[in-house]
Amino acid sequence: MAATATAAVGAIVYALLGEINLDPGLVIVAAVVGWAVALALIWGAGVAAPIPRQALIAAAIAGGAIVVGLLLAWAISRVEGGVLDPVGYTDERYGPLAYLEIGVAAGLAWLRAR
């Protein structure tokens, strides 16, 4: 629960910072989201037994947070009058950097949750 809440906040922050042309800085934001999701997953479990495959779960949640952030940015663009589909918007607006950010978030979450 804590990890998904952290991911939701991370997705919103990512989408809002994407609106102010912070393109290379979004790699750092994605890294912070990945790290925070992993910490939330670990700490959210408390004294419970370790979660099986927690590194993969953390990576999936963190990568998903960036994907949701990209979808939120696309939705904002639609409200502002954009006409592109989500993939077209992501390719045009962020280019290959967006896909790198998904990998950075997932990779750091996986590393931290191991």
PDB file of N, CA and C in Angstrom:
ATOM      1  N   MET A   1       0.817  -1.194   0.000  1.00  0.00           N
ATOM      2  CA  MET A   1       0.000   0.000   0.000  1.00  0.00           C
ATOM      3  C   MET A   1       0.868   1.269   0.000  1.00  0.00           C
ATOM      4  N   ALA A   2       1.913   1.262   0.816  1.00  0.00           N
ATOM      5  CA  ALA A   2       2.787   2.433   0.886  1.00  0.00           C
ATOM      6  C   ALA A   2       3.512   2.658  -0.433  1.00  0.00           C
ATOM      7  N   ALA A   3       3.923   1.573  -1.074  1.00  0.00           N
ATOM      8  CA  ALA A   3       4.650   1.703  -2.339  1.00  0.00           C
ATOM      9  C   ALA A   3       3.752   2.258  -3.438  1.00  0.00           C
ATOM     10  N   THR A   4       2.515   1.818  -3.495  1.00  0.00           N
ATOM     11  CA  THR A   4       1.624   2.337  -4.540  1.00  0.00           C
ATOM     12  C   THR A   4       1.246   3.792  -4.274  1.00  0.00           C
ATOM     13  N   ALA A   5       1.113   4.167  -3.011  1.00  0.00           N
ATOM     14  CA  ALA A   5       0.839   5.572  -2.691  1.00  0.00           C
ATOM     15  C   ALA A   5       2.030   6.442  -3.082  1.00  0.00           C
ATOM     16  N   THR A   6       3.228   5.960  -2.797  1.00  0.00           N
ATOM     17  CA  THR A   6       4.437   6.684  -3.186  1.00  0.00           C
ATOM     18  C   THR A   6       4.536   6.790  -4.704  1.00  0.00           C
ATOM     19  N   ALA A   7       4.188   5.719  -5.397  1.00  0.00           N
ATOM     20  CA  ALA A   7       4.208   5.725  -6.860  1.00  0.00           C
ATOM     21  C   ALA A   7       3.200   6.720  -7.417  1.00  0.00           C
ATOM     22  N   ALA A   8       2.035   6.806  -6.803  1.00  0.00           N
ATOM     23  CA  ALA A   8       1.013   7.750  -7.272  1.00  0.00           C
ATOM     24  C   ALA A   8       1.497   9.192  -7.127  1.00  0.00           C
ATOM     25  N   VAL A   9       2.091   9.497  -5.993  1.00  0.00           N
ATOM     26  CA  VAL A   9       2.629  10.847  -5.788  1.00  0.00           C
ATOM     27  C   VAL A   9       3.763  11.105  -6.774  1.00  0.00           C
ATOM     28  N   GLY A  10       4.614  10.104  -6.973  1.00  0.00           N
ATOM     29  CA  GLY A  10       5.715  10.243  -7.924  1.00  0.00           C
ATOM     30  C   GLY A  10       5.223  10.481  -9.340  1.00  0.00           C
ATOM     31  N   ALA A  11       4.159   9.802  -9.737  1.00  0.00           N
ATOM     32  CA  ALA A  11       3.606   9.988 -11.079  1.00  0.00           C
ATOM     33  C   ALA A  11       3.078  11.405 -11.267  1.00  0.00           C
ATOM     34  N   ILE A  12       2.412  11.921 -10.248  1.00  0.00           N
ATOM     35  CA  ILE A  12       1.877  13.283 -10.338  1.00  0.00           C
ATOM     36  C   ILE A  12       3.006  14.300 -10.404  1.00  0.00           C
ATOM     37  N   VAL A  13       4.019  14.131  -9.560  1.00  0.00           N
ATOM     38  CA  VAL A  13       5.164  15.050  -9.573  1.00  0.00           C
ATOM     39  C   VAL A  13       5.873  14.980 -10.921  1.00  0.00           C
ATOM     40  N   TYR A  14       6.064  13.783 -11.446  1.00  0.00           N
ATOM     41  CA  TYR A  14       6.716  13.614 -12.737  1.00  0.00           C
ATOM     42  C   TYR A  14       5.936  14.343 -13.836  1.00  0.00           C
ATOM     43  N   ALA A  15       4.628  14.159 -13.853  1.00  0.00           N
ATOM     44  CA  ALA A  15       3.807  14.795 -14.890  1.00  0.00           C
ATOM     45  C   ALA A  15       3.856  16.317 -14.772  1.00  0.00           C
ATOM     46  N   LEU A  16       3.787  16.833 -13.564  1.00  0.00           N
ATOM     47  CA  LEU A  16       3.795  18.286 -13.389  1.00  0.00           C
ATOM     48  C   LEU A  16       5.155  18.890 -13.723  1.00  0.00           C
ATOM     49  N   LEU A  17       6.230  18.214 -13.344  1.00  0.00           N
ATOM     50  CA  LEU A  17       7.552  18.723 -13.693  1.00  0.00           C
ATOM     51  C   LEU A  17       7.823  18.592 -15.189  1.00  0.00           C
ATOM     52  N   GLY A  18       7.189  17.636 -15.839  1.00  0.00           N
ATOM     53  CA  GLY A  18       7.308  17.503 -17.284  1.00  0.00           C
ATOM     54  C   GLY A  18       6.702  18.671 -18.029  1.00  0.00           C
ATOM     55  N   GLU A  19       5.773  19.339 -17.408  1.00  0.00           N
ATOM     56  CA  GLU A  19       5.114  20.487 -18.036  1.00  0.00           C
ATOM     57  C   GLU A  19       5.994  21.730 -18.059  1.00  0.00           C
ATOM     58  N   ILE A  20       7.050  21.752 -17.252  1.00  0.00           N
ATOM     59  CA  ILE A  20       7.891  22.956 -17.210  1.00  0.00           C
ATOM     60  C   ILE A  20       9.230  22.741 -17.924  1.00  0.00           C
ATOM     61  N   ASN A  21       9.243  21.805 -18.871  1.00  0.00           N
ATOM     62  CA  ASN A  21      10.433  21.546 -19.696  1.00  0.00           C
ATOM     63  C   ASN A  21      11.677  21.244 -18.878  1.00  0.00           C
ATOM     64  N   LEU A  22      11.558  20.289 -18.021  1.00  0.00           N
ATOM     65  CA  LEU A  22      12.673  19.854 -17.187  1.00  0.00           C
ATOM     66  C   LEU A  22      13.196  18.524 -17.713  1.00  0.00           C
ATOM     67  N   ASP A  23      13.267  18.392 -19.035  1.00  0.00           N
ATOM     68  CA  ASP A  23      13.520  17.100 -19.680  1.00  0.00           C
ATOM     69  C   ASP A  23      14.697  16.307 -19.120  1.00  0.00           C
ATOM     70  N   PRO A  24      15.939  16.782 -19.152  1.00  0.00           N
ATOM     71  CA  PRO A  24      17.022  15.964 -18.601  1.00  0.00           C
ATOM     72  C   PRO A  24      16.882  15.768 -17.096  1.00  0.00           C
ATOM     73  N   GLY A  25      16.309  16.727 -16.420  1.00  0.00           N
ATOM     74  CA  GLY A  25      16.094  16.615 -14.979  1.00  0.00           C
ATOM     75  C   GLY A  25      15.074  15.554 -14.618  1.00  0.00           C
ATOM     76  N   LEU A  26      14.232  15.180 -15.579  1.00  0.00           N
ATOM     77  CA  LEU A  26      13.246  14.144 -15.305  1.00  0.00           C
ATOM     78  C   LEU A  26      13.891  12.778 -15.107  1.00  0.00           C
ATOM     79  N   VAL A  27      15.105  12.600 -15.596  1.00  0.00           N
ATOM     80  CA  VAL A  27      15.826  11.355 -15.322  1.00  0.00           C
ATOM     81  C   VAL A  27      16.105  11.270 -13.824  1.00  0.00           C
ATOM     82  N   ILE A  28      16.483  12.384 -13.231  1.00  0.00           N
ATOM     83  CA  ILE A  28      16.728  12.416 -11.787  1.00  0.00           C
ATOM     84  C   ILE A  28      15.430  12.207 -11.028  1.00  0.00           C
ATOM     85  N   VAL A  29      14.355  12.819 -11.497  1.00  0.00           N
ATOM     86  CA  VAL A  29      13.046  12.621 -10.852  1.00  0.00           C
ATOM     87  C   VAL A  29      12.651  11.148 -10.920  1.00  0.00           C
ATOM     88  N   ALA A  30      12.870  10.508 -12.059  1.00  0.00           N
ATOM     89  CA  ALA A  30      12.554   9.086 -12.200  1.00  0.00           C
ATOM     90  C   ALA A  30      13.399   8.250 -11.252  1.00  0.00           C
ATOM     91  N   ALA A  31      14.659   8.614 -11.083  1.00  0.00           N
ATOM     92  CA  ALA A  31      15.528   7.889 -10.156  1.00  0.00           C
ATOM     93  C   ALA A  31      15.022   8.030  -8.719  1.00  0.00           C
ATOM     94  N   VAL A  32      14.620   9.226  -8.351  1.00  0.00           N
ATOM     95  CA  VAL A  32      14.101   9.451  -6.996  1.00  0.00           C
ATOM     96  C   VAL A  32      12.806   8.679  -6.785  1.00  0.00           C
ATOM     97  N   VAL A  33      11.949   8.662  -7.787  1.00  0.00           N
ATOM     98  CA  VAL A  33      10.695   7.901  -7.680  1.00  0.00           C
ATOM     99  C   VAL A  33      10.999   6.418  -7.496  1.00  0.00           C
ATOM    100  N   GLY A  34      11.922   5.879  -8.263  1.00  0.00           N
ATOM    101  CA  GLY A  34      12.279   4.468  -8.128  1.00  0.00           C
ATOM    102  C   GLY A  34      12.819   4.146  -6.757  1.00  0.00           C
ATOM    103  N   TRP A  35      13.717   4.983  -6.273  1.00  0.00           N
ATOM    104  CA  TRP A  35      14.311   4.771  -4.954  1.00  0.00           C
ATOM    105  C   TRP A  35      13.245   4.869  -3.865  1.00  0.00           C
ATOM    106  N   ALA A  36      12.380   5.877  -3.950  1.00  0.00           N
ATOM    107  CA  ALA A  36      11.343   6.076  -2.933  1.00  0.00           C
ATOM    108  C   ALA A  36      10.328   4.932  -2.932  1.00  0.00           C
ATOM    109  N   VAL A  37       9.970   4.436  -4.091  1.00  0.00           N
ATOM    110  CA  VAL A  37       9.031   3.314  -4.164  1.00  0.00           C
ATOM    111  C   VAL A  37       9.628   2.084  -3.502  1.00  0.00           C
ATOM    112  N   ALA A  38      10.905   1.817  -3.757  1.00  0.00           N
ATOM    113  CA  ALA A  38      11.557   0.658  -3.143  1.00  0.00           C
ATOM    114  C   ALA A  38      11.603   0.804  -1.622  1.00  0.00           C
ATOM    115  N   LEU A  39      11.948   1.993  -1.149  1.00  0.00           N
ATOM    116  CA  LEU A  39      11.969   2.212   0.300  1.00  0.00           C
ATOM    117  C   LEU A  39      10.585   2.053   0.905  1.00  0.00           C
ATOM    118  N   ALA A  40       9.576   2.576   0.241  1.00  0.00           N
ATOM    119  CA  ALA A  40       8.214   2.453   0.741  1.00  0.00           C
ATOM    120  C   ALA A  40       7.775   0.994   0.775  1.00  0.00           C
ATOM    121  N   LEU A  41       8.173   0.224  -0.216  1.00  0.00           N
ATOM    122  CA  LEU A  41       7.828  -1.198  -0.236  1.00  0.00           C
ATOM    123  C   LEU A  41       8.502  -1.935   0.921  1.00  0.00           C
ATOM    124  N   ILE A  42       9.773  -1.644   1.128  1.00  0.00           N
ATOM    125  CA  ILE A  42      10.510  -2.315   2.205  1.00  0.00           C
ATOM    126  C   ILE A  42       9.985  -1.875   3.570  1.00  0.00           C
ATOM    127  N   TRP A  43       9.894  -0.571   3.784  1.00  0.00           N
ATOM    128  CA  TRP A  43       9.450  -0.064   5.078  1.00  0.00           C
ATOM    129  C   TRP A  43       7.972  -0.314   5.312  1.00  0.00           C
ATOM    130  N   GLY A  44       7.188  -0.323   4.259  1.00  0.00           N
ATOM    131  CA  GLY A  44       5.751  -0.568   4.401  1.00  0.00           C
ATOM    132  C   GLY A  44       5.447  -1.972   4.868  1.00  0.00           C
ATOM    133  N   ALA A  45       6.350  -2.906   4.582  1.00  0.00           N
ATOM    134  CA  ALA A  45       6.157  -4.277   5.042  1.00  0.00           C
ATOM    135  C   ALA A  45       6.386  -4.387   6.542  1.00  0.00           C
ATOM    136  N   GLY A  46       7.098  -3.433   7.109  1.00  0.00           N
ATOM    137  CA  GLY A  46       7.345  -3.432   8.548  1.00  0.00           C
ATOM    138  C   GLY A  46       8.124  -4.653   8.984  1.00  0.00           C
ATOM    139  N   VAL A  47       7.663  -5.286  10.047  1.00  0.00           N
ATOM    140  CA  VAL A  47       8.349  -6.455  10.594  1.00  0.00           C
ATOM    141  C   VAL A  47       7.830  -7.745   9.982  1.00  0.00           C
ATOM    142  N   ALA A  48       6.970  -7.609   8.985  1.00  0.00           N
ATOM    143  CA  ALA A  48       6.437  -8.807   8.336  1.00  0.00           C
ATOM    144  C   ALA A  48       7.569  -9.544   7.616  1.00  0.00           C
ATOM    145  N   ALA A  49       7.290 -10.757   7.259  1.00  0.00           N
ATOM    146  CA  ALA A  49       8.273 -11.555   6.526  1.00  0.00           C
ATOM    147  C   ALA A  49       8.606 -10.857   5.214  1.00  0.00           C
ATOM    148  N   PRO A  50       9.822 -11.028   4.708  1.00  0.00           N
ATOM    149  CA  PRO A  50      10.173 -10.400   3.425  1.00  0.00           C
ATOM    150  C   PRO A  50       9.190 -10.800   2.323  1.00  0.00           C
ATOM    151  N   ILE A  51       8.913  -9.855   1.473  1.00  0.00           N
ATOM    152  CA  ILE A  51       7.982 -10.078   0.371  1.00  0.00           C
ATOM    153  C   ILE A  51       8.692 -10.901  -0.691  1.00  0.00           C
ATOM    154  N   PRO A  52       8.099 -12.009  -1.139  1.00  0.00           N
ATOM    155  CA  PRO A  52       8.744 -12.768  -2.218  1.00  0.00           C
ATOM    156  C   PRO A  52       8.859 -11.905  -3.475  1.00  0.00           C
ATOM    157  N   ARG A  53      10.000 -11.964  -4.096  1.00  0.00           N
ATOM    158  CA  ARG A  53      10.268 -11.213  -5.332  1.00  0.00           C
ATOM    159  C   ARG A  53      10.054  -9.709  -5.153  1.00  0.00           C
ATOM    160  N   GLN A  54      10.417  -9.172  -3.994  1.00  0.00           N
ATOM    161  CA  GLN A  54      10.159  -7.761  -3.722  1.00  0.00           C
ATOM    162  C   GLN A  54      10.912  -6.836  -4.670  1.00  0.00           C
ATOM    163  N   ALA A  55      12.064  -7.248  -5.155  1.00  0.00           N
ATOM    164  CA  ALA A  55      12.798  -6.398  -6.098  1.00  0.00           C
ATOM    165  C   ALA A  55      12.030  -6.259  -7.412  1.00  0.00           C
ATOM    166  N   LEU A  56      11.446  -7.346  -7.894  1.00  0.00           N
ATOM    167  CA  LEU A  56      10.665  -7.274  -9.136  1.00  0.00           C
ATOM    168  C   LEU A  56       9.385  -6.469  -8.937  1.00  0.00           C
ATOM    169  N   ILE A  57       8.771  -6.620  -7.783  1.00  0.00           N
ATOM    170  CA  ILE A  57       7.555  -5.858  -7.492  1.00  0.00           C
ATOM    171  C   ILE A  57       7.880  -4.368  -7.432  1.00  0.00           C
ATOM    172  N   ALA A  58       8.971  -4.020  -6.757  1.00  0.00           N
ATOM    173  CA  ALA A  58       9.375  -2.613  -6.671  1.00  0.00           C
ATOM    174  C   ALA A  58       9.672  -2.046  -8.052  1.00  0.00           C
ATOM    175  N   ALA A  59      10.364  -2.823  -8.887  1.00  0.00           N
ATOM    176  CA  ALA A  59      10.677  -2.356 -10.236  1.00  0.00           C
ATOM    177  C   ALA A  59       9.419  -2.137 -11.060  1.00  0.00           C
ATOM    178  N   ALA A  60       8.473  -3.051 -10.949  1.00  0.00           N
ATOM    179  CA  ALA A  60       7.221  -2.917 -11.706  1.00  0.00           C
ATOM    180  C   ALA A  60       6.424  -1.700 -11.255  1.00  0.00           C
ATOM    181  N   ILE A  61       6.359  -1.489  -9.952  1.00  0.00           N
ATOM    182  CA  ILE A  61       5.595  -0.342  -9.438  1.00  0.00           C
ATOM    183  C   ILE A  61       6.276   0.967  -9.838  1.00  0.00           C
ATOM    184  N   ALA A  62       7.592   1.040  -9.714  1.00  0.00           N
ATOM    185  CA  ALA A  62       8.315   2.273 -10.045  1.00  0.00           C
ATOM    186  C   ALA A  62       8.252   2.568 -11.550  1.00  0.00           C
ATOM    187  N   GLY A  63       8.476   1.553 -12.372  1.00  0.00           N
ATOM    188  CA  GLY A  63       8.358   1.759 -13.817  1.00  0.00           C
ATOM    189  C   GLY A  63       6.946   2.153 -14.201  1.00  0.00           C
ATOM    190  N   GLY A  64       5.970   1.537 -13.547  1.00  0.00           N
ATOM    191  CA  GLY A  64       4.565   1.885 -13.789  1.00  0.00           C
ATOM    192  C   GLY A  64       4.251   3.316 -13.389  1.00  0.00           C
ATOM    193  N   ALA A  65       4.904   3.799 -12.334  1.00  0.00           N
ATOM    194  CA  ALA A  65       4.680   5.186 -11.908  1.00  0.00           C
ATOM    195  C   ALA A  65       5.114   6.162 -12.989  1.00  0.00           C
ATOM    196  N   ILE A  66       6.230   5.876 -13.643  1.00  0.00           N
ATOM    197  CA  ILE A  66       6.693   6.768 -14.710  1.00  0.00           C
ATOM    198  C   ILE A  66       5.767   6.674 -15.921  1.00  0.00           C
ATOM    199  N   VAL A  67       5.299   5.478 -16.220  1.00  0.00           N
ATOM    200  CA  VAL A  67       4.349   5.317 -17.325  1.00  0.00           C
ATOM    201  C   VAL A  67       3.072   6.105 -17.033  1.00  0.00           C
ATOM    202  N   VAL A  68       2.582   6.017 -15.803  1.00  0.00           N
ATOM    203  CA  VAL A  68       1.383   6.778 -15.423  1.00  0.00           C
ATOM    204  C   VAL A  68       1.670   8.276 -15.496  1.00  0.00           C
ATOM    205  N   GLY A  69       2.874   8.682 -15.087  1.00  0.00           N
ATOM    206  CA  GLY A  69       3.254  10.088 -15.205  1.00  0.00           C
ATOM    207  C   GLY A  69       3.248  10.558 -16.644  1.00  0.00           C
ATOM    208  N   LEU A  70       3.742   9.721 -17.548  1.00  0.00           N
ATOM    209  CA  LEU A  70       3.708  10.069 -18.977  1.00  0.00           C
ATOM    210  C   LEU A  70       2.271  10.151 -19.487  1.00  0.00           C
ATOM    211  N   LEU A  71       1.419   9.247 -19.029  1.00  0.00           N
ATOM    212  CA  LEU A  71       0.010   9.295 -19.431  1.00  0.00           C
ATOM    213  C   LEU A  71      -0.686  10.531 -18.871  1.00  0.00           C
ATOM    214  N   LEU A  72      -0.334  10.923 -17.650  1.00  0.00           N
ATOM    215  CA  LEU A  72      -0.901  12.156 -17.091  1.00  0.00           C
ATOM    216  C   LEU A  72      -0.445  13.374 -17.896  1.00  0.00           C
ATOM    217  N   ALA A  73       0.830  13.398 -18.284  1.00  0.00           N
ATOM    218  CA  ALA A  73       1.328  14.506 -19.109  1.00  0.00           C
ATOM    219  C   ALA A  73       0.590  14.545 -20.445  1.00  0.00           C
ATOM    220  N   TRP A  74       0.338  13.368 -21.015  1.00  0.00           N
ATOM    221  CA  TRP A  74      -0.421  13.304 -22.268  1.00  0.00           C
ATOM    222  C   TRP A  74      -1.841  13.833 -22.057  1.00  0.00           C
ATOM    223  N   ALA A  75      -2.472  13.446 -20.946  1.00  0.00           N
ATOM    224  CA  ALA A  75      -3.840  13.911 -20.660  1.00  0.00           C
ATOM    225  C   ALA A  75      -3.875  15.427 -20.497  1.00  0.00           C
ATOM    226  N   ILE A  76      -2.857  15.976 -19.858  1.00  0.00           N
ATOM    227  CA  ILE A  76      -2.781  17.434 -19.722  1.00  0.00           C
ATOM    228  C   ILE A  76      -2.660  18.074 -21.097  1.00  0.00           C
ATOM    229  N   SER A  77      -1.880  17.467 -21.973  1.00  0.00           N
ATOM    230  CA  SER A  77      -1.726  18.026 -23.319  1.00  0.00           C
ATOM    231  C   SER A  77      -3.039  17.967 -24.091  1.00  0.00           C
ATOM    232  N   ARG A  78      -3.814  16.931 -23.861  1.00  0.00           N
ATOM    233  CA  ARG A  78      -5.122  16.826 -24.529  1.00  0.00           C
ATOM    234  C   ARG A  78      -6.059  17.938 -24.061  1.00  0.00           C
ATOM    235  N   VAL A  79      -6.027  18.241 -22.772  1.00  0.00           N
ATOM    236  CA  VAL A  79      -6.859  19.322 -22.245  1.00  0.00           C
ATOM    237  C   VAL A  79      -6.447  20.657 -22.851  1.00  0.00           C
ATOM    238  N   GLU A  80      -5.150  20.790 -23.121  1.00  0.00           N
ATOM    239  CA  GLU A  80      -4.631  22.034 -23.709  1.00  0.00           C
ATOM    240  C   GLU A  80      -4.814  22.099 -25.218  1.00  0.00           C
ATOM    241  N   GLY A  81      -5.439  21.077 -25.818  1.00  0.00           N
ATOM    242  CA  GLY A  81      -5.727  21.109 -27.246  1.00  0.00           C
ATOM    243  C   GLY A  81      -4.879  20.186 -28.099  1.00  0.00           C
ATOM    244  N   GLY A  82      -4.102  19.320 -27.483  1.00  0.00           N
ATOM    245  CA  GLY A  82      -3.269  18.388 -28.241  1.00  0.00           C
ATOM    246  C   GLY A  82      -4.112  17.340 -28.948  1.00  0.00           C
ATOM    247  N   VAL A  83      -3.550  16.757 -30.005  1.00  0.00           N
ATOM    248  CA  VAL A  83      -4.305  15.786 -30.800  1.00  0.00           C
ATOM    249  C   VAL A  83      -3.578  14.449 -30.962  1.00  0.00           C
ATOM    250  N   LEU A  84      -2.376  14.324 -30.410  1.00  0.00           N
ATOM    251  CA  LEU A  84      -1.602  13.102 -30.583  1.00  0.00           C
ATOM    252  C   LEU A  84      -2.078  11.994 -29.640  1.00  0.00           C
ATOM    253  N   ASP A  85      -1.808  10.761 -30.050  1.00  0.00           N
ATOM    254  CA  ASP A  85      -2.073   9.622 -29.171  1.00  0.00           C
ATOM    255  C   ASP A  85      -0.955   9.564 -28.121  1.00  0.00           C
ATOM    256  N   PRO A  86      -1.111   8.733 -27.069  1.00  0.00           N
ATOM    257  CA  PRO A  86      -0.110   8.723 -25.999  1.00  0.00           C
ATOM    258  C   PRO A  86       1.310   8.404 -26.466  1.00  0.00           C
ATOM    259  N   VAL A  87       1.466   7.416 -27.332  1.00  0.00           N
ATOM    260  CA  VAL A  87       2.812   7.052 -27.798  1.00  0.00           C
ATOM    261  C   VAL A  87       3.373   8.154 -28.696  1.00  0.00           C
ATOM    262  N   GLY A  88       2.549   8.684 -29.572  1.00  0.00           N
ATOM    263  CA  GLY A  88       2.994   9.771 -30.441  1.00  0.00           C
ATOM    264  C   GLY A  88       3.395  11.002 -29.647  1.00  0.00           C
ATOM    265  N   TYR A  89       2.620  11.311 -28.617  1.00  0.00           N
ATOM    266  CA  TYR A  89       2.943  12.460 -27.769  1.00  0.00           C
ATOM    267  C   TYR A  89       4.260  12.233 -27.030  1.00  0.00           C
ATOM    268  N   THR A  90       4.423  11.048 -26.475  1.00  0.00           N
ATOM    269  CA  THR A  90       5.642  10.741 -25.734  1.00  0.00           C
ATOM    270  C   THR A  90       6.861  10.810 -26.646  1.00  0.00           C
ATOM    271  N   ASP A  91       6.745  10.249 -27.844  1.00  0.00           N
ATOM    272  CA  ASP A  91       7.861  10.286 -28.783  1.00  0.00           C
ATOM    273  C   ASP A  91       8.186  11.716 -29.217  1.00  0.00           C
ATOM    274  N   GLU A  92       7.163  12.508 -29.471  1.00  0.00           N
ATOM    275  CA  GLU A  92       7.370  13.877 -29.936  1.00  0.00           C
ATOM    276  C   GLU A  92       7.876  14.791 -28.820  1.00  0.00           C
ATOM    277  N   ARG A  93       7.316  14.643 -27.643  1.00  0.00           N
ATOM    278  CA  ARG A  93       7.628  15.551 -26.531  1.00  0.00           C
ATOM    279  C   ARG A  93       8.924  15.200 -25.818  1.00  0.00           C
ATOM    280  N   TYR A  94       9.099  13.918 -25.494  1.00  0.00           N
ATOM    281  CA  TYR A  94      10.242  13.499 -24.683  1.00  0.00           C
ATOM    282  C   TYR A  94      11.297  12.729 -25.476  1.00  0.00           C
ATOM    283  N   GLY A  95      10.896  12.091 -26.559  1.00  0.00           N
ATOM    284  CA  GLY A  95      11.823  11.287 -27.342  1.00  0.00           C
ATOM    285  C   GLY A  95      12.253  10.043 -26.579  1.00  0.00           C
ATOM    286  N   PRO A  96      13.415   9.509 -26.890  1.00  0.00           N
ATOM    287  CA  PRO A  96      13.870   8.275 -26.248  1.00  0.00           C
ATOM    288  C   PRO A  96      14.169   8.455 -24.759  1.00  0.00           C
ATOM    289  N   LEU A  97      14.282   9.692 -24.312  1.00  0.00           N
ATOM    290  CA  LEU A  97      14.546   9.960 -22.902  1.00  0.00           C
ATOM    291  C   LEU A  97      13.445   9.398 -22.008  1.00  0.00           C
ATOM    292  N   ALA A  98      12.205   9.402 -22.483  1.00  0.00           N
ATOM    293  CA  ALA A  98      11.091   8.888 -21.687  1.00  0.00           C
ATOM    294  C   ALA A  98      11.259   7.409 -21.390  1.00  0.00           C
ATOM    295  N   TYR A  99      11.709   6.666 -22.369  1.00  0.00           N
ATOM    296  CA  TYR A  99      11.875   5.229 -22.167  1.00  0.00           C
ATOM    297  C   TYR A  99      13.073   4.942 -21.272  1.00  0.00           C
ATOM    298  N   LEU A 100      14.083   5.791 -21.355  1.00  0.00           N
ATOM    299  CA  LEU A 100      15.220   5.688 -20.448  1.00  0.00           C
ATOM    300  C   LEU A 100      14.765   5.931 -19.010  1.00  0.00           C
ATOM    301  N   GLU A 101      13.882   6.888 -18.815  1.00  0.00           N
ATOM    302  CA  GLU A 101      13.401   7.218 -17.475  1.00  0.00           C
ATOM    303  C   GLU A 101      12.625   6.067 -16.860  1.00  0.00           C
ATOM    304  N   ILE A 102      11.853   5.360 -17.664  1.00  0.00           N
ATOM    305  CA  ILE A 102      11.135   4.185 -17.161  1.00  0.00           C
ATOM    306  C   ILE A 102      12.149   3.152 -16.672  1.00  0.00           C
ATOM    307  N   GLY A 103      13.189   2.934 -17.462  1.00  0.00           N
ATOM    308  CA  GLY A 103      14.228   1.987 -17.084  1.00  0.00           C
ATOM    309  C   GLY A 103      15.011   2.415 -15.856  1.00  0.00           C
ATOM    310  N   VAL A 104      15.287   3.709 -15.742  1.00  0.00           N
ATOM    311  CA  VAL A 104      16.020   4.217 -14.576  1.00  0.00           C
ATOM    312  C   VAL A 104      15.207   4.007 -13.312  1.00  0.00           C
ATOM    313  N   ALA A 105      13.924   4.348 -13.353  1.00  0.00           N
ATOM    314  CA  ALA A 105      13.073   4.172 -12.171  1.00  0.00           C
ATOM    315  C   ALA A 105      12.978   2.700 -11.791  1.00  0.00           C
ATOM    316  N   ALA A 106      12.725   1.853 -12.766  1.00  0.00           N
ATOM    317  CA  ALA A 106      12.602   0.419 -12.483  1.00  0.00           C
ATOM    318  C   ALA A 106      13.928  -0.165 -12.011  1.00  0.00           C
ATOM    319  N   GLY A 107      15.015   0.224 -12.638  1.00  0.00           N
ATOM    320  CA  GLY A 107      16.318  -0.311 -12.273  1.00  0.00           C
ATOM    321  C   GLY A 107      16.752   0.083 -10.875  1.00  0.00           C
ATOM    322  N   LEU A 108      16.577   1.351 -10.515  1.00  0.00           N
ATOM    323  CA  LEU A 108      16.952   1.767  -9.174  1.00  0.00           C
ATOM    324  C   LEU A 108      16.053   1.149  -8.113  1.00  0.00           C
ATOM    325  N   ALA A 109      14.779   1.003  -8.414  1.00  0.00           N
ATOM    326  CA  ALA A 109      13.878   0.336  -7.468  1.00  0.00           C
ATOM    327  C   ALA A 109      14.311  -1.106  -7.263  1.00  0.00           C
ATOM    328  N   TRP A 110      14.670  -1.767  -8.360  1.00  0.00           N
ATOM    329  CA  TRP A 110      15.111  -3.151  -8.249  1.00  0.00           C
ATOM    330  C   TRP A 110      16.396  -3.262  -7.423  1.00  0.00           C
ATOM    331  N   LEU A 111      17.346  -2.357  -7.688  1.00  0.00           N
ATOM    332  CA  LEU A 111      18.602  -2.383  -6.931  1.00  0.00           C
ATOM    333  C   LEU A 111      18.385  -2.129  -5.446  1.00  0.00           C
ATOM    334  N   ARG A 112      17.540  -1.154  -5.119  1.00  0.00           N
ATOM    335  CA  ARG A 112      17.325  -0.801  -3.717  1.00  0.00           C
ATOM    336  C   ARG A 112      16.540  -1.870  -2.969  1.00  0.00           C
ATOM    337  N   ALA A 113      15.639  -2.545  -3.644  1.00  0.00           N
ATOM    338  CA  ALA A 113      14.770  -3.523  -2.966  1.00  0.00           C
ATOM    339  C   ALA A 113      15.414  -4.899  -2.833  1.00  0.00           C
ATOM    340  N   ARG A 114      16.585  -5.108  -3.441  1.00  0.00           N
ATOM    341  CA  ARG A 114      17.229  -6.418  -3.336  1.00  0.00           C
ATOM    342  C   ARG A 114      17.663  -6.708  -1.940  1.00  0.00           C
TER     343      ARG A 114
END
